PDB file of N, CA and C in Angstrom:
ATOM      1  N   MET A   1      -8.572  13.716  -2.149  1.00  0.00           N
ATOM      2  CA  MET A   1      -7.756  12.498  -2.239  1.00  0.00           C
ATOM      3  C   MET A   1      -6.384  12.047  -3.039  1.00  0.00           C
ATOM      4  N   ASP A   2      -6.103  12.843  -3.141  1.00  0.00           N
ATOM      5  CA  ASP A   2      -5.087  12.456  -4.546  1.00  0.00           C
ATOM      6  C   ASP A   2      -4.197  11.280  -3.943  1.00  0.00           C
ATOM      7  N   GLU A   3      -3.289  11.384  -4.903  1.00  0.00           N
ATOM      8  CA  GLU A   3      -2.010   9.378  -4.422  1.00  0.00           C
ATOM      9  C   GLU A   3      -1.635   9.953  -3.918  1.00  0.00           C
ATOM     10  N   GLU A   4      -0.604  11.024  -4.191  1.00  0.00           N
ATOM     11  CA  GLU A   4       0.422  11.399  -2.839  1.00  0.00           C
ATOM     12  C   GLU A   4      -0.425  10.971  -1.726  1.00  0.00           C
ATOM     13  N   ALA A   5      -1.369  11.769  -1.087  1.00  0.00           N
ATOM     14  CA  ALA A   5      -2.243  11.578   0.355  1.00  0.00           C
ATOM     15  C   ALA A   5      -2.333  10.235   0.428  1.00  0.00           C
ATOM     16  N   LEU A   6      -3.153   9.084  -0.742  1.00  0.00           N
ATOM     17  CA  LEU A   6      -3.150   8.075  -0.047  1.00  0.00           C
ATOM     18  C   LEU A   6      -2.051   7.325   0.030  1.00  0.00           C
ATOM     19  N   LEU A   7      -0.780   7.693  -0.673  1.00  0.00           N
ATOM     20  CA  LEU A   7       0.668   6.871  -0.183  1.00  0.00           C
ATOM     21  C   LEU A   7       1.099   7.646   1.003  1.00  0.00           C
ATOM     22  N   ASP A   8       0.904   8.524   1.513  1.00  0.00           N
ATOM     23  CA  ASP A   8       1.213   9.021   2.769  1.00  0.00           C
ATOM     24  C   ASP A   8       0.742   8.279   4.030  1.00  0.00           C
ATOM     25  N   ALA A   9      -0.596   8.301   3.240  1.00  0.00           N
ATOM     26  CA  ALA A   9      -1.153   6.943   4.746  1.00  0.00           C
ATOM     27  C   ALA A   9      -0.254   5.486   4.751  1.00  0.00           C
ATOM     28  N   LEU A  10      -0.102   5.139   3.318  1.00  0.00           N
ATOM     29  CA  LEU A  10       0.296   4.127   3.365  1.00  0.00           C
ATOM     30  C   LEU A  10       1.745   4.230   4.351  1.00  0.00           C
ATOM     31  N   ARG A  11       2.458   4.834   3.779  1.00  0.00           N
ATOM     32  CA  ARG A  11       4.006   5.233   4.780  1.00  0.00           C
ATOM     33  C   ARG A  11       3.741   5.118   6.288  1.00  0.00           C
ATOM     34  N   THR A  12       2.630   4.857   6.929  1.00  0.00           N
ATOM     35  CA  THR A  12       2.454   4.311   8.091  1.00  0.00           C
ATOM     36  C   THR A  12       2.137   2.378   8.705  1.00  0.00           C
ATOM     37  N   VAL A  13       2.502   1.871   6.859  1.00  0.00           N
ATOM     38  CA  VAL A  13       1.925   0.644   7.218  1.00  0.00           C
ATOM     39  C   VAL A  13       3.251   0.020   7.064  1.00  0.00           C
ATOM     40  N   ASP A  14       3.808  -0.706   8.108  1.00  0.00           N
ATOM     41  CA  ASP A  14       5.254  -1.504   7.878  1.00  0.00           C
ATOM     42  C   ASP A  14       5.643  -2.963   8.167  1.00  0.00           C
ATOM     43  N   ASP A  15       6.358  -3.398   7.333  1.00  0.00           N
ATOM     44  CA  ASP A  15       6.325  -4.410   6.986  1.00  0.00           C
ATOM     45  C   ASP A  15       7.069  -4.868   8.286  1.00  0.00           C
ATOM     46  N   PRO A  16       6.660  -5.655   9.242  1.00  0.00           N
ATOM     47  CA  PRO A  16       7.424  -5.919  10.149  1.00  0.00           C
ATOM     48  C   PRO A  16       8.718  -7.140  10.232  1.00  0.00           C
ATOM     49  N   GLU A  17       8.671  -7.892   9.052  1.00  0.00           N
ATOM     50  CA  GLU A  17       9.938  -8.347   9.000  1.00  0.00           C
ATOM     51  C   GLU A  17      10.560  -7.462   8.478  1.00  0.00           C
ATOM     52  N   ALA A  18      10.919  -6.806   7.377  1.00  0.00           N
ATOM     53  CA  ALA A  18      11.478  -5.764   6.780  1.00  0.00           C
ATOM     54  C   ALA A  18      11.961  -4.413   7.720  1.00  0.00           C
ATOM     55  N   GLY A  19      10.941  -4.276   8.299  1.00  0.00           N
ATOM     56  CA  GLY A  19      10.401  -2.555   9.386  1.00  0.00           C
ATOM     57  C   GLY A  19      11.298  -1.226   8.738  1.00  0.00           C
ATOM     58  N   MET A  20      10.351  -2.281   8.070  1.00  0.00           N
ATOM     59  CA  MET A  20      10.369   0.260   6.899  1.00  0.00           C
ATOM     60  C   MET A  20       8.687  -0.712   6.341  1.00  0.00           C
ATOM     61  N   ASN A  21       8.438   0.950   5.817  1.00  0.00           N
ATOM     62  CA  ASN A  21       7.145   0.912   5.062  1.00  0.00           C
ATOM     63  C   ASN A  21       7.058   0.277   4.131  1.00  0.00           C
ATOM     64  N   ILE A  22       5.985  -0.164   3.468  1.00  0.00           N
ATOM     65  CA  ILE A  22       5.043  -0.480   2.621  1.00  0.00           C
ATOM     66  C   ILE A  22       5.637  -0.113   1.191  1.00  0.00           C
ATOM     67  N   VAL A  23       5.579   1.857   1.469  1.00  0.00           N
ATOM     68  CA  VAL A  23       5.206   2.442   0.342  1.00  0.00           C
ATOM     69  C   VAL A  23       7.182   2.289   0.074  1.00  0.00           C
ATOM     70  N   GLU A  24       7.929   2.717   0.528  1.00  0.00           N
ATOM     71  CA  GLU A  24       9.307   3.143   0.639  1.00  0.00           C
ATOM     72  C   GLU A  24      10.153   0.924   0.213  1.00  0.00           C
ATOM     73  N   LEU A  25       9.569   0.344   0.767  1.00  0.00           N
ATOM     74  CA  LEU A  25       9.640  -1.075  -0.093  1.00  0.00           C
ATOM     75  C   LEU A  25       9.456  -1.180  -1.374  1.00  0.00           C
ATOM     76  N   GLY A  26       8.444  -0.737  -1.693  1.00  0.00           N
ATOM     77  CA  GLY A  26       8.100  -0.619  -3.193  1.00  0.00           C
ATOM     78  C   GLY A  26       7.098  -1.842  -3.297  1.00  0.00           C
ATOM     79  N   LEU A  27       6.236  -2.139  -2.516  1.00  0.00           N
ATOM     80  CA  LEU A  27       5.269  -3.195  -2.149  1.00  0.00           C
ATOM     81  C   LEU A  27       3.711  -2.424  -2.764  1.00  0.00           C
ATOM     82  N   VAL A  28       4.085  -1.510  -3.016  1.00  0.00           N
ATOM     83  CA  VAL A  28       2.620  -0.636  -3.490  1.00  0.00           C
ATOM     84  C   VAL A  28       2.566  -0.542  -5.065  1.00  0.00           C
ATOM     85  N   TYR A  29       2.085  -1.041  -5.975  1.00  0.00           N
ATOM     86  CA  TYR A  29       2.026  -0.944  -7.811  1.00  0.00           C
ATOM     87  C   TYR A  29       0.965   0.204  -7.997  1.00  0.00           C
ATOM     88  N   GLY A  30       0.264   0.721  -7.211  1.00  0.00           N
ATOM     89  CA  GLY A  30      -1.006   2.073  -7.545  1.00  0.00           C
ATOM     90  C   GLY A  30      -1.906   2.087  -6.524  1.00  0.00           C
ATOM     91  N   ILE A  31      -2.132   3.270  -6.583  1.00  0.00           N
ATOM     92  CA  ILE A  31      -3.563   3.170  -5.808  1.00  0.00           C
ATOM     93  C   ILE A  31      -4.116   4.949  -6.377  1.00  0.00           C
ATOM     94  N   GLU A  32      -5.563   3.800  -6.163  1.00  0.00           N
ATOM     95  CA  GLU A  32      -6.527   5.279  -6.762  1.00  0.00           C
ATOM     96  C   GLU A  32      -7.955   5.204  -5.551  1.00  0.00           C
ATOM     97  N   ALA A  33      -8.264   6.323  -5.573  1.00  0.00           N
ATOM     98  CA  ALA A  33      -9.891   6.469  -4.821  1.00  0.00           C
ATOM     99  C   ALA A  33     -10.955   6.972  -5.454  1.00  0.00           C
ATOM    100  N   THR A  34     -12.205   6.627  -5.776  1.00  0.00           N
ATOM    101  CA  THR A  34     -12.560   7.434  -6.667  1.00  0.00           C
ATOM    102  C   THR A  34     -14.178   7.527  -5.883  1.00  0.00           C
ATOM    103  N   PRO A  35     -14.658   8.228  -6.006  1.00  0.00           N
ATOM    104  CA  PRO A  35     -16.316   8.785  -5.647  1.00  0.00           C
ATOM    105  C   PRO A  35     -17.178   7.893  -5.860  1.00  0.00           C
ATOM    106  N   ASP A  36     -18.040   7.443  -4.977  1.00  0.00           N
ATOM    107  CA  ASP A  36     -19.436   7.101  -5.502  1.00  0.00           C
ATOM    108  C   ASP A  36     -20.124   7.936  -6.350  1.00  0.00           C
ATOM    109  N   ARG A  37     -21.042   7.550  -7.056  1.00  0.00           N
ATOM    110  CA  ARG A  37     -21.276   8.154  -8.321  1.00  0.00           C
ATOM    111  C   ARG A  37     -23.004   8.742  -8.118  1.00  0.00           C
ATOM    112  N   ASN A  38     -23.384   7.470  -7.185  1.00  0.00           N
ATOM    113  CA  ASN A  38     -24.719   8.242  -6.574  1.00  0.00           C
ATOM    114  C   ASN A  38     -24.687   8.525  -5.405  1.00  0.00           C
ATOM    115  N   ALA A  39     -23.661   8.339  -4.441  1.00  0.00           N
ATOM    116  CA  ALA A  39     -23.389   8.837  -3.369  1.00  0.00           C
ATOM    117  C   ALA A  39     -21.783  10.088  -2.337  1.00  0.00           C
ATOM    118  N   PRO A  40     -21.610  10.807  -3.837  1.00  0.00           N
ATOM    119  CA  PRO A  40     -20.274  11.715  -4.043  1.00  0.00           C
ATOM    120  C   PRO A  40     -19.312  12.179  -2.538  1.00  0.00           C
ATOM    121  N   ALA A  41     -20.141  11.984  -1.430  1.00  0.00           N
ATOM    122  CA  ALA A  41     -19.627  11.745   0.113  1.00  0.00           C
ATOM    123  C   ALA A  41     -18.865  10.837   0.286  1.00  0.00           C
ATOM    124  N   ARG A  42     -19.233   9.739  -0.407  1.00  0.00           N
ATOM    125  CA  ARG A  42     -18.739   8.282  -0.251  1.00  0.00           C
ATOM    126  C   ARG A  42     -17.479   7.870  -1.526  1.00  0.00           C
ATOM    127  N   TRP A  43     -16.187   7.495  -0.805  1.00  0.00           N
ATOM    128  CA  TRP A  43     -15.368   6.821  -2.325  1.00  0.00           C
ATOM    129  C   TRP A  43     -15.402   5.759  -1.631  1.00  0.00           C
ATOM    130  N   THR A  44     -14.226   4.939  -2.748  1.00  0.00           N
ATOM    131  CA  THR A  44     -14.027   3.285  -2.563  1.00  0.00           C
ATOM    132  C   THR A  44     -12.598   3.807  -3.075  1.00  0.00           C
ATOM    133  N   ALA A  45     -11.436   3.697  -2.112  1.00  0.00           N
ATOM    134  CA  ALA A  45      -9.922   3.391  -2.813  1.00  0.00           C
ATOM    135  C   ALA A  45      -9.865   1.821  -3.488  1.00  0.00           C
ATOM    136  N   THR A  46      -9.056   1.970  -4.590  1.00  0.00           N
ATOM    137  CA  THR A  46      -8.222   0.725  -4.396  1.00  0.00           C
ATOM    138  C   THR A  46      -6.905   0.527  -5.169  1.00  0.00           C
ATOM    139  N   VAL A  47      -6.000  -0.556  -4.109  1.00  0.00           N
ATOM    140  CA  VAL A  47      -4.637  -0.481  -3.826  1.00  0.00           C
ATOM    141  C   VAL A  47      -4.688  -1.530  -4.086  1.00  0.00           C
ATOM    142  N   ARG A  48      -3.343  -1.902  -5.602  1.00  0.00           N
ATOM    143  CA  ARG A  48      -2.394  -2.907  -6.351  1.00  0.00           C
ATOM    144  C   ARG A  48      -1.278  -2.838  -5.702  1.00  0.00           C
ATOM    145  N   MET A  49      -1.136  -4.032  -5.213  1.00  0.00           N
ATOM    146  CA  MET A  49       0.336  -4.106  -4.200  1.00  0.00           C
ATOM    147  C   MET A  49       0.645  -5.381  -4.389  1.00  0.00           C
ATOM    148  N   THR A  50       1.635  -5.716  -3.520  1.00  0.00           N
ATOM    149  CA  THR A  50       2.058  -7.074  -3.914  1.00  0.00           C
ATOM    150  C   THR A  50       3.545  -7.576  -3.035  1.00  0.00           C
ATOM    151  N   MET A  51       3.611  -8.512  -2.190  1.00  0.00           N
ATOM    152  CA  MET A  51       4.496  -9.399  -1.149  1.00  0.00           C
ATOM    153  C   MET A  51       5.702  -9.189  -1.864  1.00  0.00           C
ATOM    154  N   THR A  52       6.595  -9.831  -1.062  1.00  0.00           N
ATOM    155  CA  THR A  52       8.447  -9.953  -1.731  1.00  0.00           C
ATOM    156  C   THR A  52       7.990 -11.690  -1.876  1.00  0.00           C
ATOM    157  N   SER A  53       6.825 -12.303  -2.289  1.00  0.00           N
ATOM    158  CA  SER A  53       7.168 -13.204  -2.780  1.00  0.00           C
ATOM    159  C   SER A  53       5.813 -13.865  -2.135  1.00  0.00           C
ATOM    160  N   ALA A  54       5.381 -14.885  -2.562  1.00  0.00           N
ATOM    161  CA  ALA A  54       3.902 -15.299  -3.132  1.00  0.00           C
ATOM    162  C   ALA A  54       3.824 -16.674  -1.755  1.00  0.00           C
ATOM    163  N   ALA A  55       5.027 -17.500  -1.278  1.00  0.00           N
ATOM    164  CA  ALA A  55       4.609 -17.821   0.116  1.00  0.00           C
ATOM    165  C   ALA A  55       4.770 -16.728   1.371  1.00  0.00           C
ATOM    166  N   CYS A  56       5.114 -14.932   1.234  1.00  0.00           N
ATOM    167  CA  CYS A  56       4.970 -14.380   2.418  1.00  0.00           C
ATOM    168  C   CYS A  56       3.696 -14.514   3.834  1.00  0.00           C
ATOM    169  N   PRO A  57       4.352 -14.956   4.575  1.00  0.00           N
ATOM    170  CA  PRO A  57       2.605 -14.914   5.755  1.00  0.00           C
ATOM    171  C   PRO A  57       2.243 -14.032   6.146  1.00  0.00           C
ATOM    172  N   LEU A  58       2.953 -12.612   5.641  1.00  0.00           N
ATOM    173  CA  LEU A  58       1.868 -11.593   6.102  1.00  0.00           C
ATOM    174  C   LEU A  58       0.790 -11.144   5.553  1.00  0.00           C
ATOM    175  N   GLY A  59       0.767 -11.929   4.290  1.00  0.00           N
ATOM    176  CA  GLY A  59      -0.323 -11.289   3.209  1.00  0.00           C
ATOM    177  C   GLY A  59      -1.578 -10.363   3.872  1.00  0.00           C
ATOM    178  N   ASP A  60      -2.241 -11.502   4.515  1.00  0.00           N
ATOM    179  CA  ASP A  60      -3.283 -11.129   5.484  1.00  0.00           C
ATOM    180  C   ASP A  60      -3.305  -9.513   6.865  1.00  0.00           C
ATOM    181  N   TYR A  61      -1.744  -9.910   7.257  1.00  0.00           N
ATOM    182  CA  TYR A  61      -1.775  -8.859   8.305  1.00  0.00           C
ATOM    183  C   TYR A  61      -1.275  -7.471   7.046  1.00  0.00           C
ATOM    184  N   LEU A  62      -0.676  -7.427   6.074  1.00  0.00           N
ATOM    185  CA  LEU A  62      -0.737  -6.871   5.877  1.00  0.00           C
ATOM    186  C   LEU A  62      -1.712  -5.970   5.134  1.00  0.00           C
ATOM    187  N   THR A  63      -2.850  -6.964   4.248  1.00  0.00           N
ATOM    188  CA  THR A  63      -3.647  -6.427   3.530  1.00  0.00           C
ATOM    189  C   THR A  63      -4.511  -5.338   4.437  1.00  0.00           C
ATOM    190  N   ASP A  64      -4.519  -6.245   5.670  1.00  0.00           N
ATOM    191  CA  ASP A  64      -5.579  -5.701   6.715  1.00  0.00           C
ATOM    192  C   ASP A  64      -4.910  -4.197   7.350  1.00  0.00           C
ATOM    193  N   ALA A  65      -3.813  -4.335   7.505  1.00  0.00           N
ATOM    194  CA  ALA A  65      -3.228  -2.903   7.880  1.00  0.00           C
ATOM    195  C   ALA A  65      -3.099  -1.839   6.578  1.00  0.00           C
ATOM    196  N   VAL A  66      -3.417  -2.087   5.752  1.00  0.00           N
ATOM    197  CA  VAL A  66      -3.440  -1.323   4.040  1.00  0.00           C
ATOM    198  C   VAL A  66      -4.958  -0.354   4.964  1.00  0.00           C
ATOM    199  N   ARG A  67      -5.482  -1.395   4.978  1.00  0.00           N
ATOM    200  CA  ARG A  67      -7.037  -0.866   4.860  1.00  0.00           C
ATOM    201  C   ARG A  67      -7.930  -0.129   5.854  1.00  0.00           C
ATOM    202  N   ASN A  68      -6.743  -0.426   7.328  1.00  0.00           N
ATOM    203  CA  ASN A  68      -7.396   0.028   8.619  1.00  0.00           C
ATOM    204  C   ASN A  68      -6.929   1.558   8.409  1.00  0.00           C
ATOM    205  N   ALA A  69      -5.285   1.430   8.136  1.00  0.00           N
ATOM    206  CA  ALA A  69      -4.204   2.840   7.317  1.00  0.00           C
ATOM    207  C   ALA A  69      -4.893   3.525   6.914  1.00  0.00           C
ATOM    208  N   LEU A  70      -5.697   3.894   5.673  1.00  0.00           N
ATOM    209  CA  LEU A  70      -6.539   4.437   4.810  1.00  0.00           C
ATOM    210  C   LEU A  70      -7.919   5.002   5.516  1.00  0.00           C
ATOM    211  N   ARG A  71      -8.717   4.033   5.994  1.00  0.00           N
ATOM    212  CA  ARG A  71      -9.971   4.185   6.489  1.00  0.00           C
ATOM    213  C   ARG A  71      -9.732   5.167   7.966  1.00  0.00           C
ATOM    214  N   ALA A  72      -8.731   5.123   8.604  1.00  0.00           N
ATOM    215  CA  ALA A  72      -8.496   5.937   9.426  1.00  0.00           C
ATOM    216  C   ALA A  72      -7.916   7.165   9.429  1.00  0.00           C
ATOM    217  N   ARG A  73      -6.904   7.409   7.931  1.00  0.00           N
ATOM    218  CA  ARG A  73      -7.330   8.892   7.778  1.00  0.00           C
ATOM    219  C   ARG A  73      -8.180   9.368   6.872  1.00  0.00           C
ATOM    220  N   PHE A  74      -9.071   8.435   6.208  1.00  0.00           N
ATOM    221  CA  PHE A  74      -9.815   9.136   5.047  1.00  0.00           C
ATOM    222  C   PHE A  74     -11.423   8.324   5.926  1.00  0.00           C
ATOM    223  N   PRO A  75     -12.188   8.610   6.868  1.00  0.00           N
ATOM    224  CA  PRO A  75     -13.077   8.515   6.642  1.00  0.00           C
ATOM    225  C   PRO A  75     -14.309   7.603   5.591  1.00  0.00           C
ATOM    226  N   GLU A  76     -13.967   8.768   5.049  1.00  0.00           N
ATOM    227  CA  GLU A  76     -14.957   8.863   3.733  1.00  0.00           C
ATOM    228  C   GLU A  76     -15.065   7.844   2.883  1.00  0.00           C
ATOM    229  N   LEU A  77     -14.082   7.179   3.119  1.00  0.00           N
ATOM    230  CA  LEU A  77     -14.039   5.775   2.430  1.00  0.00           C
ATOM    231  C   LEU A  77     -14.665   4.418   2.685  1.00  0.00           C
ATOM    232  N   GLU A  78     -15.816   5.051   1.784  1.00  0.00           N
ATOM    233  CA  GLU A  78     -16.552   3.503   2.414  1.00  0.00           C
ATOM    234  C   GLU A  78     -16.123   2.068   1.975  1.00  0.00           C
ATOM    235  N   GLN A  79     -15.417   2.166   0.919  1.00  0.00           N
ATOM    236  CA  GLN A  79     -15.104   0.072   0.670  1.00  0.00           C
ATOM    237  C   GLN A  79     -13.572   0.846   0.605  1.00  0.00           C
ATOM    238  N   VAL A  80     -12.346   0.275   0.570  1.00  0.00           N
ATOM    239  CA  VAL A  80     -11.139  -0.244   0.159  1.00  0.00           C
ATOM    240  C   VAL A  80     -10.773  -1.448   0.240  1.00  0.00           C
ATOM    241  N   ASN A  81     -10.337  -1.898  -1.288  1.00  0.00           N
ATOM    242  CA  ASN A  81     -10.389  -2.755  -2.137  1.00  0.00           C
ATOM    243  C   ASN A  81      -9.171  -2.971  -2.336  1.00  0.00           C
ATOM    244  N   VAL A  82      -8.351  -4.269  -1.651  1.00  0.00           N
ATOM    245  CA  VAL A  82      -7.034  -4.784  -1.548  1.00  0.00           C
ATOM    246  C   VAL A  82      -6.242  -5.784  -2.928  1.00  0.00           C
ATOM    247  N   GLU A  83      -6.017  -5.466  -3.871  1.00  0.00           N
ATOM    248  CA  GLU A  83      -5.456  -6.168  -4.733  1.00  0.00           C
ATOM    249  C   GLU A  83      -4.385  -6.862  -4.730  1.00  0.00           C
ATOM    250  N   LEU A  84      -3.953  -8.146  -4.338  1.00  0.00           N
ATOM    251  CA  LEU A  84      -2.191  -8.521  -4.801  1.00  0.00           C
ATOM    252  C   LEU A  84      -2.056  -9.034  -6.179  1.00  0.00           C
ATOM    253  N   VAL A  85      -1.086  -8.817  -6.497  1.00  0.00           N
ATOM    254  CA  VAL A  85      -0.825  -9.201  -7.843  1.00  0.00           C
ATOM    255  C   VAL A  85       0.976  -8.990  -7.679  1.00  0.00           C
ATOM    256  N   TRP A  86       1.024 -10.186  -9.044  1.00  0.00           N
ATOM    257  CA  TRP A  86       2.595 -10.743  -8.974  1.00  0.00           C
ATOM    258  C   TRP A  86       3.081 -10.575 -10.151  1.00  0.00           C
ATOM    259  N   GLU A  87       3.005  -9.401 -10.845  1.00  0.00           N
ATOM    260  CA  GLU A  87       3.158  -8.554 -12.132  1.00  0.00           C
ATOM    261  C   GLU A  87       3.005  -7.597 -12.198  1.00  0.00           C
ATOM    262  N   PRO A  88       3.787  -7.010 -12.195  1.00  0.00           N
ATOM    263  CA  PRO A  88       5.536  -7.498 -12.221  1.00  0.00           C
ATOM    264  C   PRO A  88       5.751  -8.598 -11.054  1.00  0.00           C
ATOM    265  N   PRO A  89       7.065  -8.710 -10.911  1.00  0.00           N
ATOM    266  CA  PRO A  89       7.350  -9.579  -9.317  1.00  0.00           C
ATOM    267  C   PRO A  89       8.387  -8.674  -8.443  1.00  0.00           C
ATOM    268  N   TRP A  90       8.481  -8.508  -7.398  1.00  0.00           N
ATOM    269  CA  TRP A  90       8.651  -7.630  -6.715  1.00  0.00           C
ATOM    270  C   TRP A  90      10.218  -7.955  -6.535  1.00  0.00           C
ATOM    271  N   THR A  91      11.070  -7.298  -7.082  1.00  0.00           N
ATOM    272  CA  THR A  91      12.454  -7.374  -6.759  1.00  0.00           C
ATOM    273  C   THR A  91      13.126  -5.963  -5.704  1.00  0.00           C
ATOM    274  N   PRO A  92      13.996  -6.258  -5.473  1.00  0.00           N
ATOM    275  CA  PRO A  92      14.409  -5.034  -4.717  1.00  0.00           C
ATOM    276  C   PRO A  92      14.834  -3.517  -5.501  1.00  0.00           C
ATOM    277  N   GLU A  93      15.303  -3.638  -6.856  1.00  0.00           N
ATOM    278  CA  GLU A  93      15.149  -2.396  -7.396  1.00  0.00           C
ATOM    279  C   GLU A  93      14.010  -1.595  -7.042  1.00  0.00           C
ATOM    280  N   ARG A  94      12.607  -2.016  -7.009  1.00  0.00           N
ATOM    281  CA  ARG A  94      11.662  -1.276  -7.025  1.00  0.00           C
ATOM    282  C   ARG A  94      12.001  -0.778  -5.296  1.00  0.00           C
ATOM    283  N   MET A  95      12.460  -0.445  -4.609  1.00  0.00           N
ATOM    284  CA  MET A  95      12.891   0.266  -3.536  1.00  0.00           C
ATOM    285  C   MET A  95      13.210   1.308  -3.874  1.00  0.00           C
ATOM    286  N   SER A  96      12.615   2.040  -2.643  1.00  0.00           N
ATOM    287  CA  SER A  96      13.567   3.760  -2.692  1.00  0.00           C
ATOM    288  C   SER A  96      14.610   3.608  -2.621  1.00  0.00           C
ATOM    289  N   GLU A  97      15.305   4.552  -2.990  1.00  0.00           N
ATOM    290  CA  GLU A  97      16.578   5.856  -2.379  1.00  0.00           C
ATOM    291  C   GLU A  97      16.495   5.060  -0.805  1.00  0.00           C
ATOM    292  N   GLU A  98      15.943   5.324  -0.254  1.00  0.00           N
ATOM    293  CA  GLU A  98      15.693   5.831   1.434  1.00  0.00           C
ATOM    294  C   GLU A  98      15.730   4.398   1.570  1.00  0.00           C
ATOM    295  N   ALA A  99      14.983   3.288   1.365  1.00  0.00           N
ATOM    296  CA  ALA A  99      15.169   2.035   1.610  1.00  0.00           C
ATOM    297  C   ALA A  99      16.347   1.327   0.936  1.00  0.00           C
ATOM    298  N   ARG A 100      16.792   1.441   0.069  1.00  0.00           N
ATOM    299  CA  ARG A 100      18.422   0.855  -0.583  1.00  0.00           C
ATOM    300  C   ARG A 100      19.355   0.973   0.476  1.00  0.00           C
ATOM    301  N   ASN A 101      19.563   2.399   1.633  1.00  0.00           N
ATOM    302  CA  ASN A 101      20.153   3.313   2.372  1.00  0.00           C
ATOM    303  C   ASN A 101      19.651   2.477   3.830  1.00  0.00           C
ATOM    304  N   PHE A 102      18.602   2.406   3.934  1.00  0.00           N
ATOM    305  CA  PHE A 102      18.621   1.713   4.751  1.00  0.00           C
ATOM    306  C   PHE A 102      18.982   0.397   5.223  1.00  0.00           C
ATOM    307  N   PHE A 103      18.879  -1.021   4.068  1.00  0.00           N
ATOM    308  CA  PHE A 103      19.298  -1.688   4.145  1.00  0.00           C
ATOM    309  C   PHE A 103      21.134  -2.368   4.084  1.00  0.00           C
ATOM    310  N   GLY A 104      21.336  -0.642   3.837  1.00  0.00           N
ATOM    311  CA  GLY A 104      22.731  -0.486   2.890  1.00  0.00           C
ATOM    312  C   GLY A 104      23.461  -1.053   1.788  1.00  0.00           C
ATOM    313  N   TRP A 105      21.969  -1.005   0.521  1.00  0.00           N
ATOM    314  CA  TRP A 105      21.954  -1.921  -0.441  1.00  0.00           C
ATOM    315  C   TRP A 105      22.010  -0.093  -1.268  1.00  0.00           C
ATOM    316  N   LYS A 106      23.552  -0.336  -1.967  1.00  0.00           N
ATOM    317  CA  LYS A 106      23.824   1.191  -2.755  1.00  0.00           C
ATOM    318  C   LYS A 106      23.828   1.265  -4.291  1.00  0.00           C
TER     319      LYS A 106
END
């Protein structure tokens, strides 16, 4: 359960307003999974992510979608923590080249 596998699972989570996944949009600031010391078959994932603005009405929707996507791909995840962070603030520069091309921002 490495970072790239976790990010692949999050690429299935689309921001419905943008029509693009949250990884390419640059909303995911970090992700990791660690095994439980007392039960190595159980894991906890922690996702640090942001929204395009603090007033984004999709916060609950997207955090639930993140939890669901990770649990669907990794049934051994006992817990998925989603931390909404606001520093550094999201800007379009955080988007991948694919996302910038999608929106015509080259």
